[in-house]
Each structure stands twice: as structure tokens, then as C-alpha cells.
PDB file of all heavy atoms in Angstrom:
ATOM      1  N   ALA A   1    -134.549-177.120 -24.119  1.00  0.00           N
ATOM      2  CA  ALA A   1    -134.080-178.551 -24.200  1.00  0.00           C
ATOM      3  C   ALA A   1    -133.210-178.814 -22.999  1.00  0.00           C
ATOM      4  O   ALA A   1    -133.357-179.828 -22.304  1.00  0.00           O
ATOM      5  CB  ALA A   1    -133.460-178.871 -25.553  1.00  0.00           C
ATOM      6  N   THR A   2    -132.234-177.937 -22.706  1.00  0.00           N
ATOM      7  CA  THR A   2    -131.257-178.194 -21.526  1.00  0.00           C
ATOM      8  C   THR A   2    -132.047-178.108 -20.304  1.00  0.00           C
ATOM      9  O   THR A   2    -131.745-178.896 -19.351  1.00  0.00           O
ATOM     10  CB  THR A   2    -130.119-177.171 -21.661  1.00  0.00           C
ATOM     11  OG1 THR A   2    -129.553-177.307 -22.942  1.00  0.00           O
ATOM     12  CG2 THR A   2    -129.062-177.541 -20.618  1.00  0.00           C
ATOM     13  N   HIS A   3    -132.930-177.176 -20.200  1.00  0.00           N
ATOM     14  CA  HIS A   3    -133.816-177.061 -18.967  1.00  0.00           C
ATOM     15  C   HIS A   3    -134.576-178.356 -18.719  1.00  0.00           C
ATOM     16  O   HIS A   3    -134.627-178.881 -17.520  1.00  0.00           O
ATOM     17  CB  HIS A   3    -134.769-175.913 -19.089  1.00  0.00           C
ATOM     18  CG  HIS A   3    -135.587-175.638 -17.842  1.00  0.00           C
ATOM     19  ND1 HIS A   3    -135.077-175.346 -16.664  1.00  0.00           N
ATOM     20  CD2 HIS A   3    -136.982-175.720 -17.771  1.00  0.00           C
ATOM     21  CE1 HIS A   3    -136.118-175.178 -15.789  1.00  0.00           C
ATOM     22  NE2 HIS A   3    -137.294-175.449 -16.434  1.00  0.00           N
ATOM     23  N   ILE A   4    -135.161-178.929 -19.787  1.00  0.00           N
ATOM     24  CA  ILE A   4    -135.833-180.228 -19.656  1.00  0.00           C
ATOM     25  C   ILE A   4    -134.908-181.331 -19.131  1.00  0.00           C
ATOM     26  O   ILE A   4    -135.305-182.105 -18.240  1.00  0.00           O
ATOM     27  CB  ILE A   4    -136.531-180.608 -20.986  1.00  0.00           C
ATOM     28  CG1 ILE A   4    -137.644-179.614 -21.311  1.00  0.00           C
ATOM     29  CG2 ILE A   4    -137.048-182.072 -20.940  1.00  0.00           C
ATOM     30  CD1 ILE A   4    -138.242-179.723 -22.694  1.00  0.00           C
ATOM     31  N   ALA A   5    -133.747-181.396 -19.673  1.00  0.00           N
ATOM     32  CA  ALA A   5    -132.798-182.374 -19.281  1.00  0.00           C
ATOM     33  C   ALA A   5    -132.353-182.293 -17.804  1.00  0.00           C
ATOM     34  O   ALA A   5    -132.126-183.218 -17.136  1.00  0.00           O
ATOM     35  CB  ALA A   5    -131.576-182.348 -20.172  1.00  0.00           C
ATOM     36  N   ASP A   6    -132.465-180.914 -17.373  1.00  0.00           N
ATOM     37  CA  ASP A   6    -132.040-180.620 -15.938  1.00  0.00           C
ATOM     38  C   ASP A   6    -133.176-180.890 -14.985  1.00  0.00           C
ATOM     39  O   ASP A   6    -132.919-181.028 -13.781  1.00  0.00           O
ATOM     40  CB  ASP A   6    -131.608-179.143 -15.816  1.00  0.00           C
ATOM     41  CG  ASP A   6    -130.268-178.856 -16.168  1.00  0.00           C
ATOM     42  OD1 ASP A   6    -129.401-179.780 -15.990  1.00  0.00           O
ATOM     43  OD2 ASP A   6    -129.946-177.703 -16.542  1.00  0.00           O
ATOM     44  N   THR A   7    -134.444-180.875 -15.332  1.00  0.00           N
ATOM     45  CA  THR A   7    -135.562-180.925 -14.404  1.00  0.00           C
ATOM     46  C   THR A   7    -135.511-182.132 -13.498  1.00  0.00           C
ATOM     47  O   THR A   7    -136.018-181.978 -12.361  1.00  0.00           O
ATOM     48  CB  THR A   7    -136.954-180.694 -15.101  1.00  0.00           C
ATOM     49  OG1 THR A   7    -137.099-181.700 -15.991  1.00  0.00           O
ATOM     50  CG2 THR A   7    -137.048-179.326 -15.606  1.00  0.00           C
ATOM     51  N   ALA A   8    -135.023-183.208 -13.887  1.00  0.00           N
ATOM     52  CA  ALA A   8    -135.002-184.433 -13.061  1.00  0.00           C
ATOM     53  C   ALA A   8    -134.181-184.191 -11.820  1.00  0.00           C
ATOM     54  O   ALA A   8    -134.301-184.935 -10.833  1.00  0.00           O
ATOM     55  CB  ALA A   8    -134.536-185.673 -13.829  1.00  0.00           C
ATOM     56  N   HIS A   9    -133.267-183.264 -11.794  1.00  0.00           N
ATOM     57  CA  HIS A   9    -132.528-183.022 -10.579  1.00  0.00           C
ATOM     58  C   HIS A   9    -133.394-182.584  -9.386  1.00  0.00           C
ATOM     59  O   HIS A   9    -133.011-182.723  -8.291  1.00  0.00           O
ATOM     60  CB  HIS A   9    -131.464-181.818 -10.794  1.00  0.00           C
ATOM     61  CG  HIS A   9    -131.939-180.545 -10.524  1.00  0.00           C
ATOM     62  ND1 HIS A   9    -132.627-179.698 -11.400  1.00  0.00           N
ATOM     63  CD2 HIS A   9    -131.841-179.713  -9.445  1.00  0.00           C
ATOM     64  CE1 HIS A   9    -132.970-178.542 -10.767  1.00  0.00           C
ATOM     65  NE2 HIS A   9    -132.447-178.585  -9.650  1.00  0.00           N
ATOM     66  N   TRP A  10    -134.585-182.121  -9.654  1.00  0.00           N
ATOM     67  CA  TRP A  10    -135.453-181.734  -8.626  1.00  0.00           C
ATOM     68  C   TRP A  10    -135.738-182.888  -7.667  1.00  0.00           C
ATOM     69  O   TRP A  10    -135.942-182.797  -6.432  1.00  0.00           O
ATOM     70  CB  TRP A  10    -136.701-181.108  -9.064  1.00  0.00           C
ATOM     71  CG  TRP A  10    -136.530-179.657  -9.476  1.00  0.00           C
ATOM     72  CD1 TRP A  10    -136.621-179.162 -10.719  1.00  0.00           C
ATOM     73  CD2 TRP A  10    -136.076-178.553  -8.681  1.00  0.00           C
ATOM     74  NE1 TRP A  10    -136.225-177.858 -10.741  1.00  0.00           N
ATOM     75  CE2 TRP A  10    -135.932-177.390  -9.473  1.00  0.00           C
ATOM     76  CE3 TRP A  10    -135.739-178.437  -7.347  1.00  0.00           C
ATOM     77  CZ2 TRP A  10    -135.543-176.227  -8.990  1.00  0.00           C
ATOM     78  CZ3 TRP A  10    -135.457-177.197  -6.836  1.00  0.00           C
ATOM     79  CH2 TRP A  10    -135.333-176.091  -7.685  1.00  0.00           C
ATOM     80  N   ILE A  11    -135.864-184.158  -8.243  1.00  0.00           N
ATOM     81  CA  ILE A  11    -136.181-185.294  -7.470  1.00  0.00           C
ATOM     82  C   ILE A  11    -135.145-185.468  -6.334  1.00  0.00           C
ATOM     83  O   ILE A  11    -135.436-185.689  -5.156  1.00  0.00           O
ATOM     84  CB  ILE A  11    -136.452-186.526  -8.317  1.00  0.00           C
ATOM     85  CG1 ILE A  11    -137.616-186.276  -9.199  1.00  0.00           C
ATOM     86  CG2 ILE A  11    -136.674-187.751  -7.510  1.00  0.00           C
ATOM     87  CD1 ILE A  11    -137.873-187.287 -10.263  1.00  0.00           C
ATOM     88  N   TYR A  12    -133.863-185.611  -6.796  1.00  0.00           N
ATOM     89  CA  TYR A  12    -132.850-185.787  -5.783  1.00  0.00           C
ATOM     90  C   TYR A  12    -132.599-184.594  -4.905  1.00  0.00           C
ATOM     91  O   TYR A  12    -132.355-184.719  -3.672  1.00  0.00           O
ATOM     92  CB  TYR A  12    -131.533-186.383  -6.314  1.00  0.00           C
ATOM     93  CG  TYR A  12    -130.726-185.489  -7.267  1.00  0.00           C
ATOM     94  CD1 TYR A  12    -129.937-184.469  -6.682  1.00  0.00           C
ATOM     95  CD2 TYR A  12    -130.648-185.595  -8.593  1.00  0.00           C
ATOM     96  CE1 TYR A  12    -129.104-183.612  -7.417  1.00  0.00           C
ATOM     97  CE2 TYR A  12    -129.866-184.842  -9.373  1.00  0.00           C
ATOM     98  CZ  TYR A  12    -129.192-183.854  -8.888  1.00  0.00           C
ATOM     99  OH  TYR A  12    -128.384-183.044  -9.661  1.00  0.00           O
ATOM    100  N   THR A  13    -132.820-183.400  -5.428  1.00  0.00           N
ATOM    101  CA  THR A  13    -132.701-182.175  -4.631  1.00  0.00           C
ATOM    102  C   THR A  13    -133.736-182.211  -3.503  1.00  0.00           C
ATOM    103  O   THR A  13    -133.405-181.782  -2.364  1.00  0.00           O
ATOM    104  CB  THR A  13    -132.832-180.915  -5.569  1.00  0.00           C
ATOM    105  OG1 THR A  13    -131.838-180.940  -6.536  1.00  0.00           O
ATOM    106  CG2 THR A  13    -132.707-179.643  -4.698  1.00  0.00           C
ATOM    107  N   ILE A  14    -134.873-182.532  -3.820  1.00  0.00           N
ATOM    108  CA  ILE A  14    -135.997-182.572  -2.861  1.00  0.00           C
ATOM    109  C   ILE A  14    -135.751-183.582  -1.759  1.00  0.00           C
ATOM    110  O   ILE A  14    -135.906-183.367  -0.574  1.00  0.00           O
ATOM    111  CB  ILE A  14    -137.428-182.875  -3.565  1.00  0.00           C
ATOM    112  CG1 ILE A  14    -137.781-181.685  -4.371  1.00  0.00           C
ATOM    113  CG2 ILE A  14    -138.434-183.266  -2.510  1.00  0.00           C
ATOM    114  CD1 ILE A  14    -138.923-181.967  -5.357  1.00  0.00           C
ATOM    115  N   LEU A  15    -135.177-184.797  -2.137  1.00  0.00           N
ATOM    116  CA  LEU A  15    -134.933-185.831  -1.186  1.00  0.00           C
ATOM    117  C   LEU A  15    -133.668-185.554  -0.364  1.00  0.00           C
ATOM    118  O   LEU A  15    -133.575-186.075   0.764  1.00  0.00           O
ATOM    119  CB  LEU A  15    -134.764-187.202  -1.926  1.00  0.00           C
ATOM    120  CG  LEU A  15    -136.087-187.771  -2.508  1.00  0.00           C
ATOM    121  CD1 LEU A  15    -135.768-188.905  -3.407  1.00  0.00           C
ATOM    122  CD2 LEU A  15    -137.067-188.125  -1.351  1.00  0.00           C
ATOM    123  N   GLU A  16    -132.730-184.925  -0.834  1.00  0.00           N
ATOM    124  CA  GLU A  16    -131.486-184.611  -0.141  1.00  0.00           C
ATOM    125  C   GLU A  16    -131.496-183.494   0.878  1.00  0.00           C
ATOM    126  O   GLU A  16    -130.593-183.326   1.620  1.00  0.00           O
ATOM    127  CB  GLU A  16    -130.344-184.465  -1.167  1.00  0.00           C
ATOM    128  CG  GLU A  16    -130.026-185.745  -1.909  1.00  0.00           C
ATOM    129  CD  GLU A  16    -128.988-185.567  -3.036  1.00  0.00           C
ATOM    130  OE1 GLU A  16    -128.464-184.379  -3.239  1.00  0.00           O
ATOM    131  OE2 GLU A  16    -128.628-186.596  -3.604  1.00  0.00           O
ATOM    132  N   ALA A  17    -132.503-182.631   0.774  1.00  0.00           N
ATOM    133  CA  ALA A  17    -132.605-181.485   1.696  1.00  0.00           C
ATOM    134  C   ALA A  17    -134.057-181.144   2.010  1.00  0.00           C
ATOM    135  O   ALA A  17    -134.919-181.464   1.137  1.00  0.00           O
ATOM    136  CB  ALA A  17    -131.868-180.315   1.139  1.00  0.00           C
ATOM    137  N   ASP A  18    -134.304-180.523   3.079  1.00  0.00           N
ATOM    138  CA  ASP A  18    -135.677-180.182   3.536  1.00  0.00           C
ATOM    139  C   ASP A  18    -136.100-178.759   3.036  1.00  0.00           C
ATOM    140  O   ASP A  18    -137.255-178.373   3.185  1.00  0.00           O
ATOM    141  CB  ASP A  18    -135.873-180.231   5.062  1.00  0.00           C
ATOM    142  CG  ASP A  18    -135.714-181.630   5.574  1.00  0.00           C
ATOM    143  OD1 ASP A  18    -135.882-182.636   4.740  1.00  0.00           O
ATOM    144  OD2 ASP A  18    -135.331-181.763   6.726  1.00  0.00           O
ATOM    145  N   GLU A  19    -135.130-178.070   2.408  1.00  0.00           N
ATOM    146  CA  GLU A  19    -135.481-176.831   1.856  1.00  0.00           C
ATOM    147  C   GLU A  19    -134.587-176.384   0.749  1.00  0.00           C
ATOM    148  O   GLU A  19    -133.495-176.911   0.564  1.00  0.00           O
ATOM    149  CB  GLU A  19    -135.510-175.616   2.902  1.00  0.00           C
ATOM    150  CG  GLU A  19    -134.190-175.377   3.550  1.00  0.00           C
ATOM    151  CD  GLU A  19    -134.231-174.200   4.532  1.00  0.00           C
ATOM    152  OE1 GLU A  19    -135.148-174.222   5.349  1.00  0.00           O
ATOM    153  OE2 GLU A  19    -133.324-173.418   4.478  1.00  0.00           O
ATOM    154  N   TYR A  20    -135.124-175.518  -0.126  1.00  0.00           N
ATOM    155  CA  TYR A  20    -134.366-174.988  -1.222  1.00  0.00           C
ATOM    156  C   TYR A  20    -134.424-173.543  -1.271  1.00  0.00           C
ATOM    157  O   TYR A  20    -135.547-172.972  -1.195  1.00  0.00           O
ATOM    158  CB  TYR A  20    -134.830-175.561  -2.577  1.00  0.00           C
ATOM    159  CG  TYR A  20    -133.915-175.176  -3.715  1.00  0.00           C
ATOM    160  CD1 TYR A  20    -132.821-175.922  -4.020  1.00  0.00           C
ATOM    161  CD2 TYR A  20    -134.303-174.057  -4.516  1.00  0.00           C
ATOM    162  CE1 TYR A  20    -132.012-175.590  -5.107  1.00  0.00           C
ATOM    163  CE2 TYR A  20    -133.454-173.717  -5.591  1.00  0.00           C
ATOM    164  CZ  TYR A  20    -132.327-174.469  -5.841  1.00  0.00           C
ATOM    165  OH  TYR A  20    -131.473-174.140  -6.903  1.00  0.00           O
ATOM    166  N   ASP A  21    -133.298-172.782  -1.409  1.00  0.00           N
ATOM    167  CA  ASP A  21    -133.336-171.353  -1.281  1.00  0.00           C
ATOM    168  C   ASP A  21    -132.969-170.792  -2.639  1.00  0.00           C
ATOM    169  O   ASP A  21    -131.720-170.939  -3.089  1.00  0.00           O
ATOM    170  CB  ASP A  21    -132.335-170.840  -0.198  1.00  0.00           C
ATOM    171  CG  ASP A  21    -132.375-169.384  -0.039  1.00  0.00           C
ATOM    172  OD1 ASP A  21    -133.180-168.657  -0.694  1.00  0.00           O
ATOM    173  OD2 ASP A  21    -131.640-168.845   0.883  1.00  0.00           O
ATOM    174  N   PHE A  22    -133.892-170.136  -3.339  1.00  0.00           N
ATOM    175  CA  PHE A  22    -133.587-169.469  -4.656  1.00  0.00           C
ATOM    176  C   PHE A  22    -132.752-168.255  -4.451  1.00  0.00           C
ATOM    177  O   PHE A  22    -132.253-167.640  -5.376  1.00  0.00           O
ATOM    178  CB  PHE A  22    -134.882-169.165  -5.413  1.00  0.00           C
ATOM    179  CG  PHE A  22    -135.411-170.298  -6.176  1.00  0.00           C
ATOM    180  CD1 PHE A  22    -136.598-171.029  -5.683  1.00  0.00           C
ATOM    181  CD2 PHE A  22    -134.850-170.731  -7.306  1.00  0.00           C
ATOM    182  CE1 PHE A  22    -137.124-172.105  -6.437  1.00  0.00           C
ATOM    183  CE2 PHE A  22    -135.397-171.828  -8.058  1.00  0.00           C
ATOM    184  CZ  PHE A  22    -136.450-172.471  -7.620  1.00  0.00           C
ATOM    185  N   GLY A  23    -132.610-167.820  -3.217  1.00  0.00           N
ATOM    186  CA  GLY A  23    -131.852-166.595  -2.876  1.00  0.00           C
ATOM    187  C   GLY A  23    -130.345-166.927  -2.668  1.00  0.00           C
ATOM    188  O   GLY A  23    -129.622-165.954  -2.518  1.00  0.00           O
ATOM    189  N   GLY A  24    -129.975-168.159  -2.904  1.00  0.00           N
ATOM    190  CA  GLY A  24    -128.576-168.547  -2.769  1.00  0.00           C
ATOM    191  C   GLY A  24    -127.680-168.168  -3.866  1.00  0.00           C
ATOM    192  O   GLY A  24    -127.889-167.050  -4.469  1.00  0.00           O
ATOM    193  N   ALA A  25    -126.882-169.015  -4.390  1.00  0.00           N
ATOM    194  CA  ALA A  25    -125.975-168.715  -5.453  1.00  0.00           C
ATOM    195  C   ALA A  25    -126.783-168.355  -6.698  1.00  0.00           C
ATOM    196  O   ALA A  25    -127.814-168.897  -6.953  1.00  0.00           O
ATOM    197  CB  ALA A  25    -125.121-169.932  -5.837  1.00  0.00           C
ATOM    198  N   PRO A  26    -126.290-167.316  -7.473  1.00  0.00           N
ATOM    199  CA  PRO A  26    -127.016-166.908  -8.721  1.00  0.00           C
ATOM    200  C   PRO A  26    -127.112-168.040  -9.722  1.00  0.00           C
ATOM    201  O   PRO A  26    -126.203-168.831  -9.930  1.00  0.00           O
ATOM    202  CB  PRO A  26    -126.185-165.780  -9.199  1.00  0.00           C
ATOM    203  CG  PRO A  26    -124.846-165.864  -8.555  1.00  0.00           C
ATOM    204  CD  PRO A  26    -125.026-166.639  -7.334  1.00  0.00           C
ATOM    205  N   TYR A  27    -128.290-168.142 -10.199  1.00  0.00           N
ATOM    206  CA  TYR A  27    -128.563-169.171 -11.281  1.00  0.00           C
ATOM    207  C   TYR A  27    -127.996-168.793 -12.589  1.00  0.00           C
ATOM    208  O   TYR A  27    -128.170-167.663 -13.139  1.00  0.00           O
ATOM    209  CB  TYR A  27    -130.067-169.364 -11.421  1.00  0.00           C
ATOM    210  CG  TYR A  27    -130.488-170.279 -12.444  1.00  0.00           C
ATOM    211  CD1 TYR A  27    -130.274-171.659 -12.285  1.00  0.00           C
ATOM    212  CD2 TYR A  27    -131.223-169.920 -13.621  1.00  0.00           C
ATOM    213  CE1 TYR A  27    -130.616-172.603 -13.243  1.00  0.00           C
ATOM    214  CE2 TYR A  27    -131.568-170.858 -14.617  1.00  0.00           C
ATOM    215  CZ  TYR A  27    -131.283-172.206 -14.356  1.00  0.00           C
ATOM    216  OH  TYR A  27    -131.644-173.111 -15.299  1.00  0.00           O
ATOM    217  N   LYS A  28    -127.252-169.755 -13.192  1.00  0.00           N
ATOM    218  CA  LYS A  28    -126.617-169.481 -14.429  1.00  0.00           C
ATOM    219  C   LYS A  28    -127.120-170.554 -15.490  1.00  0.00           C
ATOM    220  O   LYS A  28    -126.683-171.734 -15.473  1.00  0.00           O
ATOM    221  CB  LYS A  28    -125.124-169.590 -14.453  1.00  0.00           C
ATOM    222  CG  LYS A  28    -124.482-168.520 -13.535  1.00  0.00           C
ATOM    223  CD  LYS A  28    -122.959-168.614 -13.404  1.00  0.00           C
ATOM    224  CE  LYS A  28    -122.562-167.542 -12.477  1.00  0.00           C
ATOM    225  NZ  LYS A  28    -121.218-167.653 -12.073  1.00  0.00           N
TER     226      LYS A  28
END
């Protein structure tokens, strides 16, 4: 449920940067 509430962040994340690195800060 929390993951679903979080997924909309991808829209602004995609628009605010040209790349996303899953190797960055550890996901919590």
C-alpha cells in the first residue's frame, strides 16, 4: 500500500532529471 502511494513520485522524478541511478543511496 505504501509503495502504491509512493509510485506517483516517478512522474516528477522523471521530469526533474534526465537519469536515475539505482546504485545511489540505499533504498529503505
